[in-house]
């Protein structure tokens, strides 16, 4: 109890100083005040919030690489293989609107022979992202894509279907915490 009274007395003395300081300052005539955003009265507060949600969407990035002696053959082989990959993905129950192309490359490859650059042929590459709405089916999707001819798995990332809703909830809770 004494500790509480002592704490209240210290807080009371501090508050009295805060109130007295502006009164004492009123004896001095302040210079004219130019109002700018930096001189406006400001209250700064900070709030924190953490919103936890389970990821409910997976995004798999897959690619197909094809090599040939000329660019036309490399591109044709690549398009045929990617069509098979997309067909296998669709057969796994992934809707067409969940598949999007994120990159297509065609480039000549070279070797160094005797200090000279010698063409090794052409490489075509096509990369897609596949959205999987049932996170537990990602492995099945990857197996289907590889069986269809996918030559590279660039990675899988997990996201929230309604990320903006979780962000709005975090901001709302942070405002409540700041009060």
Foldseek 3Di string as FASTA:
>chain_A
DVVVVVVVVVVVVVVVCVVVVVVVVVVDDDDDDDDDVVPPDDDDWWFFFDDDDDFQKKKWKFKFKAWDAEQVVRVVVRVQLVVLLVVLLVVLVFDPVQKDWDDKDKDWDWDQDPNDTDTPTMMIMTMMMGMDRHVVCPVVSVVSNVVSHTDDTPDMDTHHPCVVVSVVVRVVNRVVRRD
